């Protein structure tokens, strides 16, 4: 007699029907068309980067816009957009965002050895597109967070296979476009992979250094952007931030105390990530859970911290649901799903549906998700990998490929 668990596993890992793939494809295409019909620059956030590139081409400083929060190398990366006709860009930009999310989801599945054409793959993608509001927000805004969402699972896949230098290069390339993955550099410190760390640091430094040479204001990132971030942005930015340092003051908590609570949460998250790494394990959960915890810790203290940042970590957690021996993972707990409940589209929250108030829902999701992952990372367990010889983990970390049914 076949157990219920094996029946569920077999069902999810069977190839998906063409009807399922067609339905998800229609949903993604509809998202692209919807954004293209309602925006002119591929989304509000993409327009900020586009204007920065246009300003630079006109001889001005891209950092004249205080909402441009990227490194100089991102300006050059946005130049090709300037050359695209507006009628094409309005559809091309959201299409690129969708492709980036597909790359991230596919890499996360590959990390756990899940066939991309399985039912789990297609239903998981459909669930993200229809049941996770930040997915649609990211496409609508055209935010370059999608680079981090695509690069992190790919880098973790490379790291799990022992290719740490290539993983560092992937992380560095993403940082050069948007410095969201800087916290993941600690993962290379945990693993003592100094070449990978060097690649992750040198790629954005060299790229931004070369870009700065052709900028009229090469130090603008340090003289304008960093002070703007350290001040906590402006009144507009703070309305949409989800970090405790931004949300708690809106509830009457003193700013100093709110920032301290966020910093304490971030420090605890780094400790939990370190503990998860030290616990070891031959599966991909070691690198994935440690990296996810580092990113969530950063989101607790970073300014700004938006709901679509969750697209960097949630697909990685979802992909780990089918890992062998993943009974203790965050996605297997009810708290994970409760944390995501505020992000279900159409689920009404009285008084919090206005755009300037949804940050309260985002803060609940961020804090609950960080706490859930932290508990799972910090749970008791023996160290199974000798930290003195990190290559021992590499030798035992060969991914087990599932049969492509």
Protein backbone atom coordinates (compact mmCIF):
# COMPACT_ATOMS: atom_id res chain seq x y z
CA UNK A 1 0.00 0.00 0.00
CA UNK A 2 1.40 3.40 -0.98
CA UNK A 3 1.61 5.92 1.85
CA UNK A 4 -0.21 9.24 1.60
CA UNK A 5 3.07 11.12 1.75
CA UNK A 6 4.53 9.27 -1.21
CA UNK A 7 1.32 9.77 -3.17
CA UNK A 8 1.53 13.54 -2.64
CA UNK A 9 5.22 13.55 -3.56
CA UNK A 10 4.63 11.56 -6.73
CA UNK A 11 1.74 13.81 -7.72
CA UNK A 12 3.77 17.01 -7.39
CA UNK A 13 6.79 15.63 -9.23
CA UNK A 14 4.90 14.33 -12.23
CA UNK A 15 5.09 16.42 -15.42
CA UNK A 16 2.55 19.23 -15.54
CA UNK A 17 -0.10 19.20 -18.23
CA UNK A 18 0.06 21.63 -21.12
CA UNK A 19 -3.18 23.15 -19.87
CA UNK A 20 -1.51 24.09 -16.58
CA UNK A 21 1.48 25.63 -18.35
CA UNK A 22 -0.84 27.47 -20.73
CA UNK A 23 -2.85 28.91 -17.84
CA UNK A 24 0.26 30.19 -16.05
CA UNK A 25 1.64 31.61 -19.30
CA UNK A 26 -1.61 33.51 -19.88
CA UNK A 27 -1.43 34.94 -16.35
CA UNK A 28 2.16 36.15 -16.87
CA UNK A 29 1.42 37.61 -20.29
CA UNK A 30 -1.64 39.37 -18.90
CA UNK A 31 0.55 40.93 -16.21
CA UNK A 32 2.93 42.25 -18.85
CA UNK A 33 0.13 43.63 -21.01
CA UNK A 34 -1.58 45.24 -18.03
CA UNK A 35 1.57 47.11 -17.00
CA UNK A 36 2.31 48.08 -20.58
CA UNK A 37 -1.14 49.61 -21.02
CA UNK A 38 -1.01 51.61 -17.79
CA UNK A 39 2.60 52.86 -17.77
CA UNK A 40 4.85 54.64 -20.25
CA UNK A 41 8.32 53.78 -18.90
CA UNK A 42 7.89 50.17 -17.86
CA UNK A 43 6.93 51.05 -14.30
CA UNK A 44 7.48 53.88 -11.81
CA UNK A 45 10.74 52.50 -10.38
CA UNK A 46 12.16 51.61 -13.75
CA UNK A 47 11.42 55.19 -14.84
CA UNK A 48 13.72 56.49 -12.08
CA UNK A 49 16.67 54.54 -13.45
CA UNK A 50 15.72 55.46 -17.00
CA UNK A 51 15.68 59.17 -16.14
CA UNK A 52 19.09 58.81 -14.47
CA UNK A 53 20.54 57.34 -17.66
CA UNK A 54 18.92 60.08 -19.76
CA UNK A 55 20.29 62.74 -17.42
CA UNK A 56 23.78 61.31 -17.71
CA UNK A 57 23.57 61.20 -21.49
CA UNK A 58 22.55 64.87 -21.42
CA UNK A 59 25.63 65.71 -19.36
CA UNK A 60 23.98 65.91 -15.95
CA UNK A 61 24.45 63.97 -12.74
CA UNK A 62 22.15 60.95 -12.29
CA UNK A 63 22.30 61.55 -8.54
CA UNK A 64 20.46 64.84 -8.91
CA UNK A 65 17.36 62.68 -8.36
CA UNK A 66 17.51 61.69 -4.69
CA UNK A 67 15.34 58.65 -5.39
CA UNK A 68 18.05 57.14 -7.60
CA UNK A 69 19.59 54.74 -5.06
CA UNK A 70 21.90 52.71 -7.28
CA UNK A 71 25.64 52.48 -7.91
CA UNK A 72 27.17 54.32 -10.91
CA UNK A 73 27.39 51.06 -12.85
CA UNK A 74 23.59 50.88 -12.87
CA UNK A 75 23.48 54.07 -14.93
CA UNK A 76 25.41 52.43 -17.74
CA UNK A 77 23.27 49.31 -17.42
CA UNK A 78 20.18 51.46 -18.02
CA UNK A 79 21.55 53.18 -21.14
CA UNK A 80 20.18 50.50 -23.54
CA UNK A 81 16.68 51.35 -22.28
CA UNK A 82 17.11 54.91 -23.51
CA UNK A 83 17.61 53.58 -27.03
CA UNK A 84 14.36 51.58 -26.99
CA UNK A 85 11.27 53.36 -28.35
CA UNK A 86 8.78 54.25 -25.64
CA UNK A 87 6.00 52.18 -27.19
CA UNK A 88 8.19 49.11 -27.02
CA UNK A 89 9.76 49.81 -23.62
CA UNK A 90 6.41 50.00 -21.85
CA UNK A 91 5.89 46.29 -22.66
CA UNK A 92 9.52 45.19 -22.81
CA UNK A 93 10.39 46.31 -19.25
CA UNK A 94 7.67 44.25 -17.50
CA UNK A 95 8.47 41.32 -19.79
CA UNK A 96 12.11 41.46 -18.66
CA UNK A 97 10.97 41.53 -15.04
CA UNK A 98 8.84 38.43 -15.62
CA UNK A 99 11.78 36.68 -17.29
CA UNK A 100 14.00 37.56 -14.32
CA UNK A 101 11.47 36.08 -11.90
CA UNK A 102 11.29 32.94 -14.04
CA UNK A 103 15.08 32.63 -13.91
CA UNK A 104 15.00 32.96 -10.13
CA UNK A 105 12.23 30.40 -9.72
CA UNK A 106 13.89 27.99 -12.15
CA UNK A 107 17.26 28.29 -10.38
CA UNK A 108 15.61 27.74 -7.00
CA UNK A 109 13.94 24.59 -8.33
CA UNK A 110 17.21 23.38 -9.82
CA UNK A 111 18.97 23.99 -6.50
CA UNK A 112 16.64 21.44 -4.90
CA UNK A 113 16.70 19.07 -7.87
CA UNK A 114 13.06 19.70 -8.84
CA UNK A 115 12.26 19.28 -12.55
CA UNK A 116 11.19 22.58 -14.08
CA UNK A 117 8.36 20.87 -15.95
CA UNK A 118 6.91 19.21 -12.85
CA UNK A 119 3.53 20.00 -11.37
CA UNK A 120 5.22 21.52 -8.37
CA UNK A 121 7.12 23.92 -10.62
CA UNK A 122 4.11 25.15 -12.56
CA UNK A 123 1.70 25.29 -9.62
CA UNK A 124 4.29 27.03 -7.48
CA UNK A 125 4.82 29.66 -10.18
CA UNK A 126 1.08 30.09 -10.55
CA UNK A 127 0.74 30.47 -6.79
CA UNK A 128 3.37 33.19 -6.74
CA UNK A 129 1.79 35.05 -9.65
CA UNK A 130 -1.79 34.88 -8.37
CA UNK A 131 -1.47 34.49 -4.61
CA UNK A 132 1.51 36.68 -3.66
CA UNK A 133 0.89 40.41 -4.09
CA UNK A 134 4.58 41.48 -4.21
CA UNK A 135 4.95 39.42 -7.41
CA UNK A 136 2.52 41.70 -9.20
CA UNK A 137 3.91 44.81 -7.50
CA UNK A 138 7.41 44.07 -8.76
CA UNK A 139 6.17 43.71 -12.33
CA UNK A 140 4.04 46.83 -12.03
CA UNK A 141 6.89 48.94 -10.67
CA UNK A 142 9.57 47.53 -12.95
CA UNK A 143 11.90 47.59 -9.96
CA UNK A 144 15.43 46.34 -10.47
CA UNK A 145 15.08 44.14 -7.40
CA UNK A 146 14.36 41.48 -10.02
CA UNK A 147 18.12 41.28 -10.67
CA UNK A 148 18.68 40.15 -7.08
CA UNK A 149 15.68 37.80 -7.26
CA UNK A 150 17.26 36.10 -10.28
CA UNK A 151 20.90 36.21 -9.15
CA UNK A 152 20.61 34.87 -5.60
CA UNK A 153 19.13 31.42 -6.44
CA UNK A 154 21.58 31.10 -9.33
CA UNK A 155 24.53 31.98 -7.09
CA UNK A 156 23.38 29.54 -4.41
CA UNK A 157 23.06 26.82 -7.04
CA UNK A 158 26.67 27.46 -8.08
CA UNK A 159 27.83 27.54 -4.45
CA UNK A 160 26.06 24.30 -3.65
CA UNK A 161 27.92 22.69 -6.53
CA UNK A 162 31.23 23.95 -5.15
CA UNK A 163 31.68 26.78 -7.68
CA UNK A 164 32.07 29.54 -5.13
CA UNK A 165 34.09 31.89 -7.32
CA UNK A 166 31.41 31.81 -10.01
CA UNK A 167 28.79 32.32 -7.29
CA UNK A 168 30.70 35.35 -6.05
CA UNK A 169 30.84 36.77 -9.57
CA UNK A 170 27.07 36.35 -9.91
CA UNK A 171 26.46 38.09 -6.59
CA UNK A 172 28.91 40.85 -7.54
CA UNK A 173 27.20 41.43 -10.89
CA UNK A 174 23.84 41.78 -9.12
CA UNK A 175 25.33 44.21 -6.59
CA UNK A 176 26.76 46.29 -9.43
CA UNK A 177 23.21 46.75 -10.73
CA UNK A 178 21.52 47.11 -7.33
CA UNK A 179 23.37 46.64 -4.00
CA UNK A 180 20.59 44.56 -2.44
CA UNK A 181 22.60 41.34 -2.06
CA UNK A 182 25.45 42.85 -0.03
CA UNK A 183 24.37 40.91 3.11
CA UNK A 184 25.01 37.61 1.27
CA UNK A 185 28.73 38.42 1.35
CA UNK A 186 28.67 37.11 4.92
CA UNK A 187 27.84 33.68 3.51
CA UNK A 188 31.26 33.60 1.84
CA UNK A 189 32.80 34.55 5.20
CA UNK A 190 30.93 31.71 6.91
CA UNK A 191 32.20 29.28 4.27
CA UNK A 192 35.71 30.78 4.24
CA UNK A 193 35.54 31.10 0.49
CA UNK A 194 37.85 34.03 0.07
CA UNK A 195 38.15 33.83 -3.71
CA UNK A 196 34.40 33.90 -4.05
CA UNK A 197 34.23 36.83 -1.63
CA UNK A 198 36.91 38.66 -3.61
CA UNK A 199 34.94 38.13 -6.83
CA UNK A 200 31.74 39.37 -5.20
CA UNK A 201 33.49 42.53 -4.02
CA UNK A 202 35.71 43.26 -7.01
CA UNK A 203 33.02 42.98 -9.70
CA UNK A 204 30.87 45.88 -8.41
CA UNK A 205 33.90 47.90 -7.30
CA UNK A 206 35.54 47.70 -10.71
CA UNK A 207 32.27 48.22 -12.58
CA UNK A 208 31.30 51.24 -10.49
CA UNK A 209 34.83 52.62 -10.57
CA UNK A 210 34.95 52.52 -14.34
CA UNK A 211 31.46 54.01 -14.56
CA UNK A 212 32.40 56.78 -12.12
CA UNK A 213 35.17 57.88 -14.47
CA UNK A 214 32.60 59.02 -17.00
CA UNK A 215 30.20 60.57 -14.48
CA UNK A 216 30.07 64.34 -13.96
CA UNK A 217 29.53 63.71 -10.24
CA UNK A 218 31.50 60.50 -9.49
CA UNK A 219 31.05 60.80 -5.73
CA UNK A 220 27.32 61.42 -5.89
CA UNK A 221 26.49 58.02 -4.43
CA UNK A 222 28.44 58.87 -1.27
CA UNK A 223 27.57 62.58 -1.01
CA UNK A 224 23.87 62.37 -1.87
CA UNK A 225 22.51 58.82 -1.88
CA UNK A 226 24.06 57.49 1.34
CA UNK A 227 23.07 60.56 3.41
CA UNK A 228 19.55 60.24 2.01
CA UNK A 229 19.41 56.59 3.10
CA UNK A 230 20.93 57.28 6.51
CA UNK A 231 18.28 59.93 7.15
CA UNK A 232 15.62 57.34 6.40
CA UNK A 233 14.63 58.77 3.05
CA UNK A 234 11.82 61.31 2.85
CA UNK A 235 8.15 61.39 3.80
CA UNK A 236 7.12 59.73 0.53
CA UNK A 237 9.58 56.84 0.84
CA UNK A 238 8.74 56.20 4.49
CA UNK A 239 5.09 55.60 3.68
CA UNK A 240 5.97 52.39 1.84
CA UNK A 241 8.81 51.03 3.96
CA UNK A 242 8.24 47.80 5.87
CA UNK A 243 11.20 47.76 8.26
CA UNK A 244 10.49 48.24 11.99
CA UNK A 245 12.54 51.44 11.96
CA UNK A 246 10.04 52.96 9.51
CA UNK A 247 6.75 51.41 10.67
CA UNK A 248 6.99 51.63 14.46
CA UNK A 249 7.41 55.44 14.57
CA UNK A 250 4.12 55.70 12.65
CA UNK A 251 2.53 53.87 15.61
CA UNK A 252 4.00 56.28 18.17
CA UNK A 253 7.22 54.45 19.04
CA UNK A 254 10.24 56.79 19.36
CA UNK A 255 12.51 56.64 16.32
CA UNK A 256 15.57 55.72 18.38
CA UNK A 257 13.83 52.78 20.02
CA UNK A 258 12.37 51.59 16.71
CA UNK A 259 15.78 51.65 15.06
CA UNK A 260 17.28 49.81 18.03
CA UNK A 261 14.64 47.08 17.83
CA UNK A 262 15.29 46.66 14.12
CA UNK A 263 19.04 46.46 14.69
CA UNK A 264 18.58 43.88 17.45
CA UNK A 265 16.39 41.79 15.15
CA UNK A 266 18.99 42.02 12.39
CA UNK A 267 21.80 40.99 14.76
CA UNK A 268 19.75 38.02 15.95
CA UNK A 269 19.11 37.06 12.34
CA UNK A 270 22.82 37.08 11.50
CA UNK A 271 23.47 34.89 14.56
CA UNK A 272 20.78 32.44 13.42
CA UNK A 273 22.24 32.36 9.91
CA UNK A 274 25.65 31.59 11.35
CA UNK A 275 24.19 28.85 13.52
CA UNK A 276 22.40 27.34 10.53
CA UNK A 277 25.63 27.30 8.56
CA UNK A 278 27.54 25.66 11.40
CA UNK A 279 24.91 22.96 11.71
CA UNK A 280 25.96 21.81 8.24
CA UNK A 281 24.21 19.25 6.16
CA UNK A 282 24.84 17.82 2.72
CA UNK A 283 21.67 19.18 1.11
CA UNK A 284 21.05 22.58 -0.47
CA UNK A 285 19.18 23.77 2.61
CA UNK A 286 22.44 24.80 4.22
CA UNK A 287 23.36 27.51 1.72
CA UNK A 288 19.74 28.46 0.95
CA UNK A 289 18.51 28.89 4.52
CA UNK A 290 21.67 30.69 5.64
CA UNK A 291 21.43 33.14 2.72
CA UNK A 292 17.70 33.69 3.22
CA UNK A 293 18.21 34.43 6.90
CA UNK A 294 20.96 36.94 6.10
CA UNK A 295 18.69 38.73 3.63
CA UNK A 296 15.73 38.82 6.02
CA UNK A 297 18.00 40.17 8.76
CA UNK A 298 19.07 42.96 6.41
CA UNK A 299 15.47 43.76 5.48
CA UNK A 300 14.69 44.29 9.18
CA UNK A 301 17.19 47.12 9.43
CA UNK A 302 17.67 48.44 5.89
CA UNK A 303 16.21 51.72 4.71
CA UNK A 304 14.31 51.44 2.49
CA UNK A 305 12.75 47.99 2.79
CA UNK A 306 9.81 47.26 0.48
CA UNK A 307 7.37 44.40 0.07
CA UNK A 308 8.82 43.29 -3.28
CA UNK A 309 12.16 42.59 -1.58
CA UNK A 310 10.46 39.40 -0.37
CA UNK A 311 10.69 38.05 -3.94
CA UNK A 312 14.40 37.55 -3.25
CA UNK A 313 13.75 35.00 -0.49
CA UNK A 314 10.22 33.55 -0.75
CA UNK A 315 10.80 31.51 -3.97
CA UNK A 316 13.88 29.94 -2.36
CA UNK A 317 11.84 28.93 0.66
CA UNK A 318 8.99 27.58 -1.46
CA UNK A 319 11.33 25.54 -3.64
CA UNK A 320 12.69 23.85 -0.51
CA UNK A 321 9.30 22.42 0.43
CA UNK A 322 10.00 19.24 -1.51
CA UNK A 323 13.54 18.64 -0.30
CA UNK A 324 14.20 15.23 1.19
CA UNK A 325 14.45 15.57 4.96
CA UNK A 326 13.05 19.11 4.95
CA UNK A 327 10.62 18.41 7.79
CA UNK A 328 12.21 21.15 9.90
CA UNK A 329 12.31 23.81 7.21
CA UNK A 330 10.33 27.03 7.54
CA UNK A 331 8.00 26.27 4.64
CA UNK A 332 6.82 23.10 6.42
CA UNK A 333 5.50 25.12 9.38
CA UNK A 334 2.07 26.82 9.56
CA UNK A 335 3.77 30.05 10.66
CA UNK A 336 5.32 30.46 7.22
CA UNK A 337 1.91 30.48 5.55
CA UNK A 338 0.40 32.71 8.22
CA UNK A 339 3.23 35.18 7.61
CA UNK A 340 2.32 35.32 3.92
CA UNK A 341 -1.41 35.72 4.57
CA UNK A 342 -1.33 39.57 4.52
CA UNK A 343 0.12 39.34 0.99
CA UNK A 344 -2.78 37.39 -0.49
CA UNK A 345 -4.48 39.63 -3.10
CA UNK A 346 -8.11 40.30 -2.37
CA UNK A 347 -7.85 39.36 1.30
CA UNK A 348 -9.30 42.47 2.95
CA UNK A 349 -7.66 44.13 5.95
CA UNK A 350 -9.88 46.93 7.32
CA UNK A 351 -8.04 50.23 7.45
CA UNK A 352 -4.91 48.87 5.76
CA UNK A 353 -5.96 48.70 2.13
CA UNK A 354 -4.89 52.25 1.25
CA UNK A 355 -1.52 52.36 -0.51
CA UNK A 356 0.10 54.47 2.18
CA UNK A 357 -0.98 52.01 4.88
CA UNK A 358 -0.08 48.70 3.30
CA UNK A 359 3.38 49.04 4.83
CA UNK A 360 1.82 47.81 8.08
CA UNK A 361 0.82 44.55 6.39
CA UNK A 362 4.24 44.27 4.79
CA UNK A 363 5.91 44.79 8.17
CA UNK A 364 3.84 41.98 9.71
CA UNK A 365 4.87 39.63 6.89
CA UNK A 366 8.53 40.62 7.09
CA UNK A 367 8.80 40.26 10.87
CA UNK A 368 6.78 37.04 11.04
CA UNK A 369 8.72 35.49 8.18
CA UNK A 370 12.06 36.50 9.68
CA UNK A 371 11.05 35.07 13.06
CA UNK A 372 9.88 31.80 11.49
CA UNK A 373 13.08 31.29 9.49
CA UNK A 374 15.19 32.33 12.49
CA UNK A 375 13.59 29.71 14.74
CA UNK A 376 14.13 27.02 12.11
CA UNK A 377 17.76 28.07 11.62
CA UNK A 378 18.48 28.23 15.36
CA UNK A 379 16.85 24.95 16.33
CA UNK A 380 19.09 22.52 18.14
CA UNK A 381 21.28 20.33 16.00
CA UNK A 382 24.80 19.02 15.89
CA UNK A 383 27.47 20.34 13.56
CA UNK A 384 27.77 17.75 10.81
CA UNK A 385 30.45 19.42 8.71
CA UNK A 386 34.01 20.15 9.77
CA UNK A 387 34.36 23.93 9.47
CA UNK A 388 38.10 23.64 9.43
CA UNK A 389 37.83 21.96 6.04
CA UNK A 390 35.01 23.62 4.08
CA UNK A 391 35.69 21.40 1.08
CA UNK A 392 34.20 18.54 3.07
CA UNK A 393 30.84 20.24 2.60
CA UNK A 394 31.60 20.67 -1.08
CA UNK A 395 32.30 16.98 -1.56
CA UNK A 396 29.07 15.99 0.14
CA UNK A 397 26.98 18.71 -1.48
CA UNK A 398 26.49 17.10 -4.88
CA UNK A 399 22.82 17.69 -5.69
CA UNK A 400 20.66 14.64 -6.13
CA UNK A 401 18.83 14.95 -9.42
CA UNK A 402 15.28 13.72 -9.34
CA UNK A 403 14.04 11.56 -12.12
CA UNK A 404 12.51 13.61 -14.90
CA UNK A 405 9.23 11.78 -15.05
